Amino acid sequence: MSERIELLFTTVRRPDRTPYSNEEVARACRESTGESFSATYLWQLRTGRRDNPTKRHLEALAAFFRVPVAYFFDDAPGTPVAEEVALLSAMRDAGVRDVALRAVNLSPDGLGTVRDLIESIARREAERRRPSS
């Protein structure tokens, strides 16, 4: 359970790509359920110190991160949970969604060119973020 909750925190981000805080998520969960849900309790769930959240807490977390509640229970072998969560998160970004929608009608060669271009830009940006020695 802790791995799945942690994956949500590391994958689903604010529009500016910064992570949500425990307090921010806990507050939203309290507001949606009316039940107690502290930042400390959420931290315990994230770190595995607590591993038996209530159904309402899981529903609140699922609603906050906009994933189905089944995400917490789907143990089907081979389910690429991390990839699905990353894709859902990325598609919520208007810029990413716009690129994806425009790419739908491209030929396989056109898609390959776009993919190569994106990979090239991502490498360049990663190099810029690296501290200089």
N, C-alpha and C. Protein backbone atom coordinates (compact mmCIF):
# COMPACT_ATOMS: atom_id res chain seq x y z
N MET A 1 0.83 -1.19 0.00
CA MET A 1 0.00 0.00 0.00
C MET A 1 0.88 1.25 0.00
N SER A 2 1.91 1.26 0.82
CA SER A 2 2.76 2.46 0.91
C SER A 2 3.41 2.78 -0.43
N GLU A 3 3.82 1.74 -1.17
CA GLU A 3 4.46 1.98 -2.46
C GLU A 3 3.50 2.66 -3.44
N ARG A 4 2.25 2.24 -3.40
CA ARG A 4 1.27 2.82 -4.32
C ARG A 4 0.96 4.27 -3.97
N ILE A 5 0.85 4.55 -2.67
CA ILE A 5 0.59 5.92 -2.25
C ILE A 5 1.80 6.80 -2.60
N GLU A 6 2.98 6.29 -2.32
CA GLU A 6 4.19 7.06 -2.63
C GLU A 6 4.31 7.32 -4.13
N LEU A 7 3.94 6.33 -4.93
CA LEU A 7 3.98 6.50 -6.38
C LEU A 7 3.08 7.65 -6.82
N LEU A 8 1.93 7.79 -6.19
CA LEU A 8 1.05 8.90 -6.52
C LEU A 8 1.72 10.23 -6.22
N PHE A 9 2.38 10.32 -5.07
CA PHE A 9 3.05 11.57 -4.70
C PHE A 9 4.21 11.90 -5.65
N THR A 10 4.92 10.89 -6.09
CA THR A 10 6.07 11.16 -6.95
C THR A 10 5.68 11.37 -8.41
N THR A 11 4.51 10.90 -8.79
CA THR A 11 4.10 10.97 -10.19
C THR A 11 3.09 12.07 -10.47
N VAL A 12 2.09 12.20 -9.64
CA VAL A 12 1.04 13.19 -9.86
C VAL A 12 1.48 14.48 -9.20
N ARG A 13 1.65 15.52 -9.99
CA ARG A 13 2.18 16.79 -9.50
C ARG A 13 1.22 17.93 -9.78
N ARG A 14 1.51 19.05 -9.16
CA ARG A 14 0.77 20.28 -9.46
C ARG A 14 1.07 20.67 -10.91
N PRO A 15 0.29 21.61 -11.46
CA PRO A 15 0.57 22.06 -12.83
C PRO A 15 1.98 22.60 -13.02
N ASP A 16 2.58 23.17 -11.96
CA ASP A 16 3.94 23.68 -12.09
C ASP A 16 4.99 22.59 -11.83
N ARG A 17 4.54 21.34 -11.74
CA ARG A 17 5.37 20.15 -11.58
C ARG A 17 5.98 19.97 -10.18
N THR A 18 5.59 20.79 -9.21
CA THR A 18 6.07 20.59 -7.85
C THR A 18 5.18 19.57 -7.15
N PRO A 19 5.75 18.82 -6.21
CA PRO A 19 4.95 17.78 -5.54
C PRO A 19 3.97 18.37 -4.53
N TYR A 20 2.92 17.63 -4.28
CA TYR A 20 1.97 17.99 -3.23
C TYR A 20 2.59 17.65 -1.88
N SER A 21 2.24 18.41 -0.86
CA SER A 21 2.73 18.11 0.49
C SER A 21 1.74 17.19 1.20
N ASN A 22 2.22 16.54 2.25
CA ASN A 22 1.33 15.69 3.06
C ASN A 22 0.18 16.53 3.62
N GLU A 23 0.50 17.73 4.12
CA GLU A 23 -0.53 18.58 4.72
C GLU A 23 -1.59 18.97 3.69
N GLU A 24 -1.18 19.30 2.51
CA GLU A 24 -2.10 19.70 1.45
C GLU A 24 -3.06 18.56 1.09
N VAL A 25 -2.51 17.36 0.93
CA VAL A 25 -3.34 16.21 0.57
C VAL A 25 -4.24 15.82 1.74
N ALA A 26 -3.69 15.82 2.95
CA ALA A 26 -4.48 15.45 4.12
C ALA A 26 -5.65 16.42 4.31
N ARG A 27 -5.39 17.72 4.12
CA ARG A 27 -6.44 18.71 4.26
C ARG A 27 -7.56 18.45 3.25
N ALA A 28 -7.19 18.19 2.01
CA ALA A 28 -8.19 17.92 0.98
C ALA A 28 -8.98 16.66 1.32
N CYS A 29 -8.30 15.65 1.85
CA CYS A 29 -8.98 14.40 2.22
C CYS A 29 -9.93 14.63 3.40
N ARG A 30 -9.51 15.45 4.38
CA ARG A 30 -10.39 15.79 5.51
C ARG A 30 -11.64 16.50 5.01
N GLU A 31 -11.43 17.44 4.10
CA GLU A 31 -12.56 18.21 3.59
C GLU A 31 -13.52 17.35 2.78
N SER A 32 -13.00 16.37 2.08
CA SER A 32 -13.88 15.54 1.25
C SER A 32 -14.61 14.46 2.05
N THR A 33 -14.01 14.01 3.16
CA THR A 33 -14.64 12.93 3.92
C THR A 33 -15.31 13.41 5.19
N GLY A 34 -14.84 14.54 5.74
CA GLY A 34 -15.35 14.98 7.03
C GLY A 34 -14.75 14.19 8.18
N GLU A 35 -13.84 13.28 7.86
CA GLU A 35 -13.21 12.45 8.89
C GLU A 35 -11.82 13.00 9.19
N SER A 36 -11.27 12.53 10.30
CA SER A 36 -9.91 12.95 10.64
C SER A 36 -8.94 12.33 9.64
N PHE A 37 -7.99 13.13 9.20
CA PHE A 37 -6.99 12.67 8.24
C PHE A 37 -5.83 13.65 8.37
N SER A 38 -4.85 13.30 9.16
CA SER A 38 -3.75 14.23 9.44
C SER A 38 -2.58 14.01 8.48
N ALA A 39 -1.74 15.02 8.41
CA ALA A 39 -0.52 14.91 7.61
C ALA A 39 0.38 13.81 8.17
N THR A 40 0.38 13.65 9.50
CA THR A 40 1.18 12.60 10.12
C THR A 40 0.66 11.22 9.73
N TYR A 41 -0.66 11.06 9.74
CA TYR A 41 -1.26 9.79 9.33
C TYR A 41 -0.91 9.49 7.87
N LEU A 42 -0.97 10.49 7.04
CA LEU A 42 -0.63 10.29 5.63
C LEU A 42 0.84 9.91 5.48
N TRP A 43 1.70 10.57 6.22
CA TRP A 43 3.13 10.23 6.20
C TRP A 43 3.31 8.77 6.63
N GLN A 44 2.57 8.34 7.65
CA GLN A 44 2.66 6.95 8.11
C GLN A 44 2.21 5.99 7.02
N LEU A 45 1.18 6.35 6.29
CA LEU A 45 0.74 5.50 5.17
C LEU A 45 1.80 5.46 4.08
N ARG A 46 2.40 6.60 3.78
CA ARG A 46 3.42 6.67 2.73
C ARG A 46 4.66 5.86 3.08
N THR A 47 5.00 5.81 4.34
CA THR A 47 6.23 5.12 4.76
C THR A 47 5.99 3.69 5.22
N GLY A 48 4.75 3.24 5.25
CA GLY A 48 4.45 1.87 5.65
C GLY A 48 4.33 1.67 7.15
N ARG A 49 4.39 2.73 7.92
CA ARG A 49 4.24 2.61 9.37
C ARG A 49 2.79 2.31 9.75
N ARG A 50 1.87 2.71 8.89
CA ARG A 50 0.46 2.32 8.99
C ARG A 50 0.12 1.71 7.65
N ASP A 51 -0.63 0.62 7.69
CA ASP A 51 -0.89 -0.06 6.41
C ASP A 51 -2.33 -0.52 6.23
N ASN A 52 -3.23 0.04 7.02
CA ASN A 52 -4.60 -0.40 6.91
C ASN A 52 -5.55 0.80 6.89
N PRO A 53 -5.49 1.62 5.84
CA PRO A 53 -6.37 2.79 5.79
C PRO A 53 -7.82 2.37 5.60
N THR A 54 -8.72 3.24 6.04
CA THR A 54 -10.14 2.95 5.86
C THR A 54 -10.51 3.11 4.40
N LYS A 55 -11.65 2.56 4.06
CA LYS A 55 -12.17 2.69 2.69
C LYS A 55 -12.37 4.15 2.34
N ARG A 56 -12.89 4.94 3.28
CA ARG A 56 -13.12 6.37 3.02
C ARG A 56 -11.82 7.11 2.80
N HIS A 57 -10.77 6.73 3.53
CA HIS A 57 -9.48 7.39 3.32
C HIS A 57 -8.93 7.06 1.93
N LEU A 58 -9.06 5.81 1.52
CA LEU A 58 -8.59 5.44 0.18
C LEU A 58 -9.42 6.13 -0.90
N GLU A 59 -10.71 6.23 -0.67
CA GLU A 59 -11.56 6.93 -1.64
C GLU A 59 -11.15 8.41 -1.74
N ALA A 60 -10.83 9.01 -0.60
CA ALA A 60 -10.42 10.41 -0.60
C ALA A 60 -9.08 10.58 -1.32
N LEU A 61 -8.13 9.68 -1.08
CA LEU A 61 -6.84 9.74 -1.77
C LEU A 61 -7.03 9.55 -3.27
N ALA A 62 -7.85 8.57 -3.63
CA ALA A 62 -8.11 8.31 -5.06
C ALA A 62 -8.74 9.54 -5.71
N ALA A 63 -9.68 10.17 -5.02
CA ALA A 63 -10.33 11.36 -5.58
C ALA A 63 -9.33 12.50 -5.73
N PHE A 64 -8.48 12.70 -4.72
CA PHE A 64 -7.51 13.78 -4.78
C PHE A 64 -6.56 13.59 -5.96
N PHE A 65 -6.04 12.38 -6.11
CA PHE A 65 -5.06 12.12 -7.17
C PHE A 65 -5.72 11.75 -8.50
N ARG A 66 -7.06 11.66 -8.48
CA ARG A 66 -7.84 11.37 -9.68
C ARG A 66 -7.45 10.04 -10.33
N VAL A 67 -7.43 9.02 -9.49
CA VAL A 67 -7.23 7.65 -9.95
C VAL A 67 -8.39 6.82 -9.43
N PRO A 68 -8.70 5.70 -10.06
CA PRO A 68 -9.77 4.85 -9.53
C PRO A 68 -9.35 4.22 -8.20
N VAL A 69 -10.30 3.99 -7.32
CA VAL A 69 -9.99 3.37 -6.02
C VAL A 69 -9.36 2.00 -6.24
N ALA A 70 -9.73 1.34 -7.32
CA ALA A 70 -9.15 0.02 -7.63
C ALA A 70 -7.63 0.08 -7.75
N TYR A 71 -7.08 1.26 -8.03
CA TYR A 71 -5.63 1.42 -8.11
C TYR A 71 -4.93 0.85 -6.88
N PHE A 72 -5.54 1.02 -5.72
CA PHE A 72 -4.92 0.56 -4.47
C PHE A 72 -4.98 -0.96 -4.29
N PHE A 73 -5.85 -1.62 -5.05
CA PHE A 73 -6.07 -3.05 -4.84
C PHE A 73 -5.72 -3.93 -6.03
N ASP A 74 -5.51 -3.36 -7.19
CA ASP A 74 -5.28 -4.14 -8.40
C ASP A 74 -3.92 -4.84 -8.33
N ASP A 75 -3.95 -6.13 -8.08
CA ASP A 75 -2.71 -6.90 -7.99
C ASP A 75 -2.51 -7.79 -9.21
N ALA A 76 -3.21 -7.49 -10.30
CA ALA A 76 -3.07 -8.30 -11.50
C ALA A 76 -1.62 -8.30 -11.95
N PRO A 77 -1.07 -9.49 -12.19
CA PRO A 77 0.32 -9.55 -12.62
C PRO A 77 0.51 -8.82 -13.94
N GLY A 78 1.60 -8.10 -14.01
CA GLY A 78 1.94 -7.42 -15.25
C GLY A 78 1.23 -6.09 -15.44
N THR A 79 0.42 -5.67 -14.47
CA THR A 79 -0.25 -4.39 -14.62
C THR A 79 0.79 -3.28 -14.49
N PRO A 80 0.95 -2.49 -15.51
CA PRO A 80 1.96 -1.41 -15.46
C PRO A 80 1.42 -0.19 -14.71
N VAL A 81 1.21 -0.35 -13.40
CA VAL A 81 0.57 0.69 -12.59
C VAL A 81 1.32 2.01 -12.69
N ALA A 82 2.64 1.97 -12.55
CA ALA A 82 3.43 3.21 -12.57
C ALA A 82 3.26 3.94 -13.90
N GLU A 83 3.28 3.20 -14.99
CA GLU A 83 3.13 3.83 -16.31
C GLU A 83 1.74 4.42 -16.48
N GLU A 84 0.72 3.72 -15.98
CA GLU A 84 -0.65 4.22 -16.11
C GLU A 84 -0.85 5.50 -15.31
N VAL A 85 -0.30 5.54 -14.10
CA VAL A 85 -0.42 6.73 -13.27
C VAL A 85 0.34 7.89 -13.91
N ALA A 86 1.53 7.62 -14.43
CA ALA A 86 2.32 8.67 -15.08
C ALA A 86 1.57 9.21 -16.30
N LEU A 87 0.96 8.31 -17.07
CA LEU A 87 0.21 8.74 -18.25
C LEU A 87 -0.99 9.59 -17.85
N LEU A 88 -1.74 9.14 -16.85
CA LEU A 88 -2.89 9.92 -16.39
C LEU A 88 -2.46 11.30 -15.93
N SER A 89 -1.38 11.35 -15.19
CA SER A 89 -0.88 12.63 -14.69
C SER A 89 -0.45 13.53 -15.84
N ALA A 90 0.27 12.99 -16.79
CA ALA A 90 0.75 13.78 -17.92
C ALA A 90 -0.41 14.30 -18.76
N MET A 91 -1.43 13.50 -18.95
CA MET A 91 -2.54 13.91 -19.79
C MET A 91 -3.39 15.00 -19.16
N ARG A 92 -3.21 15.24 -17.85
CA ARG A 92 -3.92 16.34 -17.20
C ARG A 92 -3.27 17.68 -17.50
N ASP A 93 -2.03 17.64 -17.98
CA ASP A 93 -1.33 18.86 -18.35
C ASP A 93 -1.85 19.30 -19.72
N ALA A 94 -2.37 20.51 -19.80
CA ALA A 94 -2.99 20.98 -21.05
C ALA A 94 -2.01 20.96 -22.22
N GLY A 95 -0.75 21.30 -21.98
CA GLY A 95 0.24 21.30 -23.06
C GLY A 95 0.51 19.91 -23.59
N VAL A 96 0.62 18.95 -22.69
CA VAL A 96 0.86 17.56 -23.09
C VAL A 96 -0.36 17.03 -23.84
N ARG A 97 -1.52 17.33 -23.32
CA ARG A 97 -2.76 16.87 -23.97
C ARG A 97 -2.88 17.45 -25.37
N ASP A 98 -2.51 18.72 -25.53
CA ASP A 98 -2.58 19.37 -26.84
C ASP A 98 -1.64 18.69 -27.83
N VAL A 99 -0.41 18.38 -27.40
CA VAL A 99 0.54 17.70 -28.28
C VAL A 99 0.01 16.31 -28.65
N ALA A 100 -0.51 15.59 -27.65
CA ALA A 100 -1.02 14.24 -27.92
C ALA A 100 -2.18 14.28 -28.91
N LEU A 101 -3.08 15.23 -28.74
CA LEU A 101 -4.23 15.31 -29.65
C LEU A 101 -3.80 15.66 -31.07
N ARG A 102 -2.79 16.50 -31.20
CA ARG A 102 -2.29 16.85 -32.53
C ARG A 102 -1.55 15.68 -33.17
N ALA A 103 -0.94 14.83 -32.34
CA ALA A 103 -0.15 13.72 -32.86
C ALA A 103 -1.01 12.56 -33.35
N VAL A 104 -2.27 12.55 -32.97
CA VAL A 104 -3.16 11.43 -33.32
C VAL A 104 -3.19 11.16 -34.82
N ASN A 105 -3.17 12.20 -35.62
CA ASN A 105 -3.32 12.03 -37.07
C ASN A 105 -2.01 11.94 -37.83
N LEU A 106 -0.89 11.87 -37.11
CA LEU A 106 0.41 11.78 -37.79
C LEU A 106 0.67 10.35 -38.27
N SER A 107 1.46 10.27 -39.29
CA SER A 107 1.89 8.96 -39.80
C SER A 107 2.89 8.36 -38.81
N PRO A 108 3.19 7.06 -38.92
CA PRO A 108 4.21 6.46 -38.07
C PRO A 108 5.56 7.19 -38.19
N ASP A 109 5.93 7.61 -39.40
CA ASP A 109 7.18 8.37 -39.58
C ASP A 109 7.11 9.71 -38.87
N GLY A 110 5.98 10.38 -38.98
CA GLY A 110 5.79 11.67 -38.31
C GLY A 110 5.88 11.52 -36.80
N LEU A 111 5.24 10.46 -36.26
CA LEU A 111 5.30 10.20 -34.82
C LEU A 111 6.74 9.93 -34.38
N GLY A 112 7.48 9.20 -35.19
CA GLY A 112 8.88 8.92 -34.87
C GLY A 112 9.70 10.20 -34.81
N THR A 113 9.43 11.11 -35.74
CA THR A 113 10.14 12.39 -35.75
C THR A 113 9.81 13.19 -34.50
N VAL A 114 8.53 13.24 -34.13
CA VAL A 114 8.12 13.96 -32.92
C VAL A 114 8.77 13.34 -31.69
N ARG A 115 8.76 12.02 -31.60
CA ARG A 115 9.38 11.31 -30.47
C ARG A 115 10.86 11.64 -30.38
N ASP A 116 11.57 11.60 -31.52
CA ASP A 116 13.00 11.93 -31.54
C ASP A 116 13.24 13.36 -31.08
N LEU A 117 12.41 14.27 -31.54
CA LEU A 117 12.55 15.67 -31.17
C LEU A 117 12.33 15.85 -29.66
N ILE A 118 11.31 15.22 -29.12
CA ILE A 118 11.03 15.33 -27.69
C ILE A 118 12.18 14.74 -26.88
N GLU A 119 12.70 13.60 -27.30
CA GLU A 119 13.83 12.99 -26.58
C GLU A 119 15.06 13.89 -26.62
N SER A 120 15.31 14.52 -27.75
CA SER A 120 16.45 15.41 -27.89
C SER A 120 16.31 16.63 -26.95
N ILE A 121 15.13 17.22 -26.93
CA ILE A 121 14.88 18.37 -26.06
C ILE A 121 15.00 17.95 -24.60
N ALA A 122 14.46 16.80 -24.24
CA ALA A 122 14.53 16.33 -22.86
C ALA A 122 15.97 16.11 -22.42
N ARG A 123 16.80 15.55 -23.30
CA ARG A 123 18.23 15.37 -22.97
C ARG A 123 18.91 16.71 -22.75
N ARG A 124 18.64 17.67 -23.64
CA ARG A 124 19.24 19.00 -23.51
C ARG A 124 18.83 19.67 -22.21
N GLU A 125 17.55 19.58 -21.87
CA GLU A 125 17.08 20.19 -20.63
C GLU A 125 17.66 19.50 -19.40
N ALA A 126 17.82 18.19 -19.46
CA ALA A 126 18.43 17.46 -18.35
C ALA A 126 19.88 17.89 -18.17
N GLU A 127 20.58 18.08 -19.26
CA GLU A 127 21.98 18.54 -19.19
C GLU A 127 22.06 19.93 -18.57
N ARG A 128 21.14 20.80 -18.91
CA ARG A 128 21.13 22.15 -18.35
C ARG A 128 20.86 22.15 -16.85
N ARG A 129 20.08 21.18 -16.40
CA ARG A 129 19.74 21.11 -14.97
C ARG A 129 20.88 20.54 -14.14
N ARG A 130 21.79 19.80 -14.78
CA ARG A 130 22.91 19.22 -14.04
C ARG A 130 23.82 20.33 -13.52
N PRO A 131 24.25 20.20 -12.25
CA PRO A 131 25.18 21.22 -11.74
C PRO A 131 26.51 21.12 -12.47
N SER A 132 27.11 22.28 -12.77
CA SER A 132 28.42 22.26 -13.44
C SER A 132 29.51 21.93 -12.44
N SER A 133 30.49 21.22 -12.93
CA SER A 133 31.58 20.80 -12.04
C SER A 133 32.68 21.82 -12.02
